[in-house]
Amino acid sequence: MTKVLIFLPSLWSGGGEKIAMDIAGHIPDAEFLVVTYLHFENTPAARLAEKYGLRTVCLHKGRGFDPRIWFRLGRVIEEFGPDAIHAHLKVMQYLLPPLLKCRVKRCIYTVHNLAEKDAPGYMKHINKFAFTHCGVIPVAISGTCKRSLAAYYGVEGPCIYNGIDTRRYARREPCEAPDERGAHFLAVGRLGSQKNYPLMLRAFAEARKSCPAADLTIIGAGELESDINELIKSLRLEGCVTLAGVTDRVEDYLWKSHAYILSSDYEGLPLGVLEAMSAGLPVVSTRAGGVTDVVRDGENGLLVAVGDEKGLAEAIIRTASDAGLRRRISANNVRDSRQYDIKVCAEKYRALYNGESI
């Protein structure tokens, strides 16, 4: 049985953590050990690891850069004896020294964003050294990410699109036209600067002048939560915009919604978009990175330029008011989402763990 060590900073609620657990949970013929250097209890990814029966180890990093992680991780690698290491997010500064010492057969690093956003500053040089001199295989999560890898590092790597459990998110009942309360919009993602929620909220406030009964639910948590709350109040959106926090049951919100909104400045390939597609929701989004690899304007969503507040407001209005558009896009998304099933994604990673080509 192939032994795989998954290494990532924490088991918080982000898409990178979720996809890492989902991949491991859908490869039954491998043994996994999940290693983090930050401790989180009862978080979505931690609960997902528990659901899949994955063993977890925390290295308990101190403040700032902590070189003790090199030795702690090295001991874990030696004791577990993995055939492959699968690293995620910003961990290479801690992974590289023990990786070189322990000489693991294969090491894979999934680039969860555009390459320049995934590893800015000094991290670029550490990652490039790992890719070009240490045999670490970079994996892109979308065609756009793959091109950014080539431009940023001058390297090529396989492309494995993110996957979701399409059966879990598939809508159990047809998406009906908005009732007298208006269209229900949903957004999912960390409350951080990347998602540009101020753009979304200003566009939504403008759209409500034409669609006064529309409402918006935002799922997520993050460092900008208080700022976003203040903006909701200043735009007088308290009665129609809800911050719902973090949930393990995103599908419950998807099934009650009529459309999905994303206003990001950049993205790799957001899981929320794939989940919305699987639920048959039209996607209203900025042309942020890998979003354009799965959403085609007018066919399975509406796309506007990054930062285009007026365009986003117009797309929200069009989606809320055009039932025919919603029905057509809904059918296209249900059809297209099947290619992004987690089983397809996991099988390709299984091949990489075993040294096979994909």
Protein backbone atom coordinates (compact mmCIF):
# COMPACT_ATOMS: atom_id res chain seq x y z
CA MET A 1 0.00 0.00 0.00
CA THR A 2 1.34 3.43 -0.97
CA LYS A 3 2.11 5.67 2.00
CA VAL A 4 1.52 9.41 1.50
CA LEU A 5 2.39 12.23 3.89
CA ILE A 6 0.25 15.34 3.39
CA PHE A 7 1.98 18.52 4.60
CA LEU A 8 0.18 21.85 4.93
CA PRO A 9 0.21 24.77 7.40
CA SER A 10 -3.07 24.00 9.16
CA LEU A 11 -6.52 22.47 8.90
CA TRP A 12 -8.38 25.75 8.63
CA SER A 13 -11.42 26.37 6.40
CA GLY A 14 -9.81 27.28 3.06
CA GLY A 15 -10.22 25.55 -0.27
CA GLY A 16 -6.64 24.23 -0.26
CA GLU A 17 -7.17 22.44 3.04
CA LYS A 18 -10.51 21.04 1.91
CA ILE A 19 -9.26 19.66 -1.39
CA ALA A 20 -6.24 18.09 0.35
CA MET A 21 -8.54 16.14 2.69
CA ASP A 22 -10.98 15.24 -0.09
CA ILE A 23 -8.20 13.81 -2.27
CA ALA A 24 -6.96 11.61 0.58
CA GLY A 25 -10.49 10.57 1.44
CA HIS A 26 -11.13 9.31 -2.09
CA ILE A 27 -8.02 7.14 -2.52
CA PRO A 28 -8.85 3.97 -0.57
CA ASP A 29 -5.74 1.99 -1.52
CA ALA A 30 -3.22 4.34 0.17
CA GLU A 31 -2.25 5.14 3.74
CA PHE A 32 -2.20 8.85 4.61
CA LEU A 33 -0.68 10.90 7.40
CA VAL A 34 -1.69 14.57 7.61
CA VAL A 35 1.00 16.83 9.10
CA THR A 36 0.51 20.51 9.96
CA TYR A 37 2.63 23.01 11.84
CA LEU A 38 -0.27 25.10 13.18
CA HIS A 39 -2.90 23.59 15.46
CA PHE A 40 -6.62 24.02 14.82
CA GLU A 41 -9.42 22.11 16.51
CA ASN A 42 -12.96 21.58 15.29
CA THR A 43 -12.44 23.40 12.01
CA PRO A 44 -14.07 22.33 8.72
CA ALA A 45 -10.92 20.67 7.37
CA ALA A 46 -10.19 19.02 10.72
CA ARG A 47 -13.70 17.59 10.81
CA LEU A 48 -13.28 16.41 7.23
CA ALA A 49 -10.05 14.62 8.16
CA GLU A 50 -11.88 12.95 11.02
CA LYS A 51 -14.73 11.95 8.73
CA TYR A 52 -12.27 10.20 6.38
CA GLY A 53 -10.42 8.57 9.27
CA LEU A 54 -7.15 10.37 8.48
CA ARG A 55 -4.44 10.39 11.13
CA THR A 56 -3.16 13.90 11.89
CA VAL A 57 0.00 15.24 13.53
CA CYS A 58 0.70 18.86 14.52
CA LEU A 59 4.30 20.11 14.82
CA HIS A 60 3.32 23.16 16.93
CA LYS A 61 5.27 25.99 15.33
CA GLY A 62 6.38 28.86 17.57
CA ARG A 63 6.10 32.54 16.69
CA GLY A 64 7.82 33.73 13.55
CA PHE A 65 10.09 31.45 11.57
CA ASP A 66 10.71 28.31 13.62
CA PRO A 67 13.64 26.10 12.45
CA ARG A 68 12.62 23.45 14.97
CA ILE A 69 9.99 22.41 12.44
CA TRP A 70 12.79 21.04 10.23
CA PHE A 71 13.79 18.53 12.89
CA ARG A 72 10.26 17.69 13.98
CA LEU A 73 9.12 17.12 10.41
CA GLY A 74 12.26 15.09 9.68
CA ARG A 75 11.49 12.74 12.58
CA VAL A 76 7.90 12.30 11.40
CA ILE A 77 9.06 11.51 7.86
CA GLU A 78 11.60 8.96 9.11
CA GLU A 79 9.05 7.27 11.38
CA PHE A 80 6.24 7.17 8.80
CA GLY A 81 8.44 6.28 5.81
CA PRO A 82 6.25 7.76 3.05
CA ASP A 83 6.52 6.78 -0.59
CA ALA A 84 5.34 10.28 -1.51
CA ILE A 85 4.87 13.67 0.13
CA HIS A 86 2.03 15.89 -1.05
CA ALA A 87 2.58 19.50 0.04
CA HIS A 88 0.04 22.31 -0.08
CA LEU A 89 0.14 26.07 0.45
CA LYS A 90 3.15 27.99 1.79
CA VAL A 91 5.24 25.20 3.37
CA MET A 92 8.36 24.83 1.23
CA GLN A 93 10.65 26.71 3.64
CA TYR A 94 9.90 24.03 6.22
CA LEU A 95 9.68 21.05 3.87
CA LEU A 96 12.85 21.38 1.82
CA PRO A 97 15.60 20.62 4.40
CA PRO A 98 14.00 17.42 5.80
CA LEU A 99 12.97 16.39 2.28
CA LEU A 100 16.59 16.53 1.10
CA LYS A 101 17.82 14.69 4.18
CA CYS A 102 15.23 11.91 4.11
CA ARG A 103 15.28 11.34 0.33
CA VAL A 104 11.60 10.54 -0.19
CA LYS A 105 10.90 8.96 -3.61
CA ARG A 106 8.39 11.55 -4.80
CA CYS A 107 7.29 14.98 -3.67
CA ILE A 108 4.33 16.84 -5.16
CA TYR A 109 3.42 20.45 -4.50
CA THR A 110 -0.04 21.67 -5.51
CA VAL A 111 -0.05 25.33 -6.51
CA HIS A 112 -3.46 26.49 -5.27
CA ASN A 113 -3.37 29.94 -6.82
CA LEU A 114 -1.68 31.88 -9.57
CA ALA A 115 2.02 31.15 -9.10
CA GLU A 116 2.95 34.73 -8.23
CA LYS A 117 0.22 34.86 -5.55
CA ASP A 118 1.00 31.43 -4.18
CA ALA A 119 4.66 32.26 -3.50
CA PRO A 120 5.53 35.98 -3.55
CA GLY A 121 8.85 37.46 -2.46
CA TYR A 122 11.56 35.14 -1.15
CA MET A 123 9.22 32.13 -1.37
CA LYS A 124 9.55 32.28 -5.16
CA HIS A 125 13.25 31.44 -4.95
CA ILE A 126 12.73 28.60 -2.47
CA ASN A 127 10.00 27.06 -4.62
CA LYS A 128 11.97 27.45 -7.84
CA PHE A 129 14.98 25.72 -6.27
CA ALA A 130 12.69 22.90 -5.15
CA PHE A 131 11.20 22.51 -8.64
CA THR A 132 14.44 22.78 -10.61
CA HIS A 133 16.99 21.07 -8.32
CA CYS A 134 15.13 18.87 -5.84
CA GLY A 135 12.68 16.95 -8.01
CA VAL A 136 9.56 18.49 -6.47
CA ILE A 137 6.71 18.26 -8.98
CA PRO A 138 4.54 21.40 -9.20
CA VAL A 139 0.88 20.69 -9.97
CA ALA A 140 -1.38 23.42 -11.35
CA ILE A 141 -5.11 23.41 -10.58
CA SER A 142 -6.25 25.07 -13.82
CA GLY A 143 -4.97 25.96 -17.26
CA THR A 144 -4.44 29.55 -16.17
CA CYS A 145 -2.40 28.38 -13.17
CA LYS A 146 -0.30 26.16 -15.43
CA ARG A 147 0.56 29.13 -17.65
CA SER A 148 1.42 31.21 -14.58
CA LEU A 149 3.82 28.47 -13.43
CA ALA A 150 5.66 28.60 -16.72
CA ALA A 151 5.83 32.40 -16.68
CA TYR A 152 6.84 32.75 -13.01
CA TYR A 153 9.24 29.85 -12.56
CA GLY A 154 10.11 28.79 -16.09
CA VAL A 155 8.98 25.22 -15.29
CA GLU A 156 6.32 22.85 -16.56
CA GLY A 157 4.14 20.63 -14.43
CA PRO A 158 0.97 18.56 -14.74
CA CYS A 159 -2.43 20.18 -14.48
CA ILE A 160 -5.06 18.53 -12.28
CA TYR A 161 -8.28 20.49 -11.97
CA ASN A 162 -9.78 20.74 -8.51
CA GLY A 163 -12.61 18.33 -7.78
CA ILE A 164 -15.71 18.23 -5.62
CA ASP A 165 -18.22 15.58 -4.63
CA THR A 166 -20.73 16.40 -7.35
CA ARG A 167 -23.33 14.06 -5.86
CA ARG A 168 -23.20 15.96 -2.58
CA TYR A 169 -23.87 19.36 -4.13
CA ALA A 170 -26.31 18.33 -6.86
CA ARG A 171 -29.62 20.11 -6.27
CA ARG A 172 -32.30 17.75 -4.99
CA GLU A 173 -35.12 19.87 -6.36
CA PRO A 174 -35.25 22.07 -9.48
CA CYS A 175 -34.16 25.69 -9.05
CA GLU A 176 -37.44 27.55 -9.18
CA ALA A 177 -37.88 31.14 -10.29
CA PRO A 178 -37.53 33.73 -7.51
CA ASP A 179 -40.67 34.12 -5.47
CA GLU A 180 -42.14 37.40 -4.32
CA ARG A 181 -39.15 37.86 -2.00
CA GLY A 182 -36.81 38.13 -4.97
CA ALA A 183 -33.65 36.34 -6.12
CA HIS A 184 -31.36 34.81 -3.51
CA PHE A 185 -27.63 35.25 -4.23
CA LEU A 186 -24.85 33.33 -2.49
CA ALA A 187 -21.11 33.97 -2.05
CA VAL A 188 -18.65 31.60 -0.38
CA GLY A 189 -15.07 32.36 0.54
CA ARG A 190 -12.63 33.66 3.10
CA LEU A 191 -13.33 37.21 4.25
CA GLY A 192 -9.98 38.48 3.03
CA SER A 193 -8.70 40.98 0.49
CA GLN A 194 -8.39 38.47 -2.38
CA LYS A 195 -12.17 38.04 -2.64
CA ASN A 196 -12.80 41.83 -2.86
CA TYR A 197 -16.09 41.80 -0.97
CA PRO A 198 -16.27 45.62 -1.01
CA LEU A 199 -16.64 45.41 -4.80
CA MET A 200 -19.38 42.79 -4.42
CA LEU A 201 -21.29 44.79 -1.83
CA ARG A 202 -21.13 48.08 -3.74
CA ALA A 203 -22.27 46.32 -6.93
CA PHE A 204 -25.06 44.56 -5.04
CA ALA A 205 -26.22 47.85 -3.52
CA GLU A 206 -26.38 49.35 -7.01
CA ALA A 207 -28.20 46.31 -8.41
CA ARG A 208 -30.87 46.52 -5.70
CA LYS A 209 -32.03 49.81 -7.16
CA SER A 210 -33.40 47.72 -10.03
CA CYS A 211 -33.99 44.51 -8.02
CA PRO A 212 -35.07 45.77 -4.57
CA ALA A 213 -36.19 42.33 -3.37
CA ALA A 214 -32.86 40.57 -4.03
CA ASP A 215 -30.81 39.34 -1.09
CA LEU A 216 -27.29 38.03 -0.55
CA THR A 217 -25.79 35.50 1.88
CA ILE A 218 -22.02 35.38 2.39
CA ILE A 219 -20.45 32.26 3.90
CA GLY A 220 -16.96 32.55 5.33
CA ALA A 221 -14.77 34.03 8.03
CA GLY A 222 -11.57 36.02 8.02
CA GLU A 223 -9.61 39.04 9.11
CA LEU A 224 -11.83 41.55 7.27
CA GLU A 225 -15.11 40.47 8.85
CA SER A 226 -15.54 43.64 10.94
CA ASP A 227 -14.69 45.88 7.96
CA ILE A 228 -17.22 44.06 5.80
CA ASN A 229 -19.85 44.40 8.50
CA GLU A 230 -19.23 48.15 8.66
CA LEU A 231 -19.52 48.45 4.87
CA ILE A 232 -22.82 46.55 4.94
CA LYS A 233 -24.12 49.10 7.43
CA SER A 234 -22.81 52.11 5.53
CA LEU A 235 -24.46 50.87 2.32
CA ARG A 236 -27.69 50.24 4.27
CA LEU A 237 -27.74 46.57 3.33
CA GLU A 238 -28.37 45.14 6.82
CA GLY A 239 -31.79 43.82 5.86
CA CYS A 240 -30.71 42.02 2.71
CA VAL A 241 -27.09 40.91 3.21
CA THR A 242 -26.26 38.22 5.76
CA LEU A 243 -22.84 37.10 6.96
CA ALA A 244 -23.49 33.45 7.79
CA GLY A 245 -20.04 32.49 9.11
CA VAL A 246 -18.42 29.11 8.43
CA THR A 247 -20.49 25.99 7.81
CA ASP A 248 -19.95 22.33 6.93
CA ARG A 249 -23.24 22.34 5.02
CA VAL A 250 -22.69 24.73 2.13
CA GLU A 251 -25.05 22.64 0.04
CA ASP A 252 -28.00 23.69 2.20
CA TYR A 253 -27.35 27.30 1.18
CA LEU A 254 -26.72 26.40 -2.47
CA TRP A 255 -30.07 24.63 -2.73
CA LYS A 256 -31.90 27.71 -1.43
CA SER A 257 -30.15 30.12 -3.80
CA HIS A 258 -30.78 31.25 -7.36
CA ALA A 259 -27.27 32.44 -8.32
CA TYR A 260 -23.67 32.54 -7.09
CA ILE A 261 -21.42 35.63 -6.96
CA LEU A 262 -17.62 35.88 -6.94
CA SER A 263 -15.83 39.25 -7.01
CA SER A 264 -12.21 38.15 -6.57
CA ASP A 265 -9.17 40.04 -7.84
CA TYR A 266 -7.37 36.73 -8.55
CA GLU A 267 -8.04 33.01 -8.16
CA GLY A 268 -6.53 29.62 -8.90
CA LEU A 269 -9.73 27.61 -9.25
CA PRO A 270 -12.23 28.27 -6.44
CA LEU A 271 -14.09 25.25 -5.15
CA GLY A 272 -17.14 27.44 -4.50
CA VAL A 273 -17.61 27.97 -8.23
CA LEU A 274 -17.48 24.21 -8.89
CA GLU A 275 -19.94 23.57 -6.06
CA ALA A 276 -22.30 26.22 -7.44
CA MET A 277 -22.09 24.69 -10.90
CA SER A 278 -22.89 21.25 -9.51
CA ALA A 279 -25.95 22.74 -7.79
CA GLY A 280 -27.04 24.24 -11.10
CA LEU A 281 -26.52 27.86 -10.09
CA PRO A 282 -25.61 30.55 -12.61
CA VAL A 283 -22.20 32.01 -11.71
CA VAL A 284 -21.72 35.78 -11.76
CA SER A 285 -18.00 36.44 -11.48
CA THR A 286 -15.04 38.59 -12.29
CA ARG A 287 -12.57 37.16 -14.78
CA ALA A 288 -10.27 36.13 -11.95
CA GLY A 289 -7.59 33.63 -12.96
CA GLY A 290 -8.82 30.05 -13.25
CA VAL A 291 -12.49 31.06 -13.12
CA THR A 292 -12.27 31.65 -16.86
CA ASP A 293 -11.14 28.05 -17.38
CA VAL A 294 -14.50 26.69 -16.20
CA VAL A 295 -16.99 29.56 -16.67
CA ARG A 296 -17.81 30.71 -20.19
CA ASP A 297 -19.57 34.06 -20.45
CA GLY A 298 -23.20 33.71 -21.44
CA GLU A 299 -23.06 29.89 -21.50
CA ASN A 300 -22.69 28.82 -17.89
CA GLY A 301 -22.31 32.17 -16.18
CA LEU A 302 -21.76 35.88 -16.64
CA LEU A 303 -18.21 37.26 -16.48
CA VAL A 304 -17.01 40.84 -16.01
CA ALA A 305 -13.58 42.41 -15.81
CA VAL A 306 -11.74 42.29 -12.49
CA GLY A 307 -12.70 45.37 -10.47
CA ASP A 308 -15.63 46.28 -12.74
CA GLU A 309 -18.28 47.45 -10.26
CA LYS A 310 -20.74 48.65 -12.89
CA GLY A 311 -20.39 45.46 -14.93
CA LEU A 312 -20.89 43.28 -11.87
CA ALA A 313 -24.03 45.20 -10.89
CA GLU A 314 -25.43 44.81 -14.41
CA ALA A 315 -24.69 41.06 -14.36
CA ILE A 316 -26.48 40.71 -11.02
CA ILE A 317 -29.51 42.55 -12.40
CA ARG A 318 -29.56 40.44 -15.56
CA THR A 319 -29.31 37.20 -13.60
CA ALA A 320 -32.03 38.22 -11.15
CA SER A 321 -34.49 39.34 -13.83
CA ASP A 322 -33.99 36.83 -16.68
CA ALA A 323 -35.56 33.48 -15.76
CA GLY A 324 -34.82 32.01 -19.20
CA LEU A 325 -31.11 32.82 -18.82
CA ARG A 326 -31.03 31.18 -15.40
CA ARG A 327 -32.70 27.99 -16.66
CA ARG A 328 -30.32 27.68 -19.62
CA ILE A 329 -27.21 28.35 -17.57
CA SER A 330 -28.41 26.00 -14.83
CA ALA A 331 -28.72 23.10 -17.27
CA ASN A 332 -25.29 23.80 -18.75
CA ASN A 333 -23.66 23.91 -15.31
CA VAL A 334 -25.18 20.64 -14.16
CA ARG A 335 -23.83 19.04 -17.34
CA ASP A 336 -20.36 20.60 -17.18
CA SER A 337 -19.77 20.09 -13.47
CA ARG A 338 -19.51 16.30 -13.82
CA GLN A 339 -15.99 16.56 -15.24
CA TYR A 340 -14.84 18.16 -11.98
CA ASP A 341 -15.84 15.28 -9.72
CA ILE A 342 -13.40 14.58 -6.87
CA LYS A 343 -12.97 10.98 -8.04
CA VAL A 344 -11.45 12.19 -11.32
CA CYS A 345 -9.12 14.53 -9.43
CA ALA A 346 -8.11 11.91 -6.84
CA GLU A 347 -7.34 9.26 -9.44
CA LYS A 348 -4.83 11.56 -11.13
CA TYR A 349 -3.10 12.28 -7.83
CA ARG A 350 -3.06 8.57 -7.05
CA ALA A 351 -1.13 8.05 -10.30
CA LEU A 352 1.39 10.74 -9.32
CA TYR A 353 1.89 9.20 -5.88
CA ASN A 354 2.77 5.92 -7.61
CA GLY A 355 5.13 7.51 -10.12
CA GLU A 356 2.75 6.99 -13.04
CA SER A 357 2.14 9.46 -15.85
CA ILE A 358 -1.19 11.29 -16.12
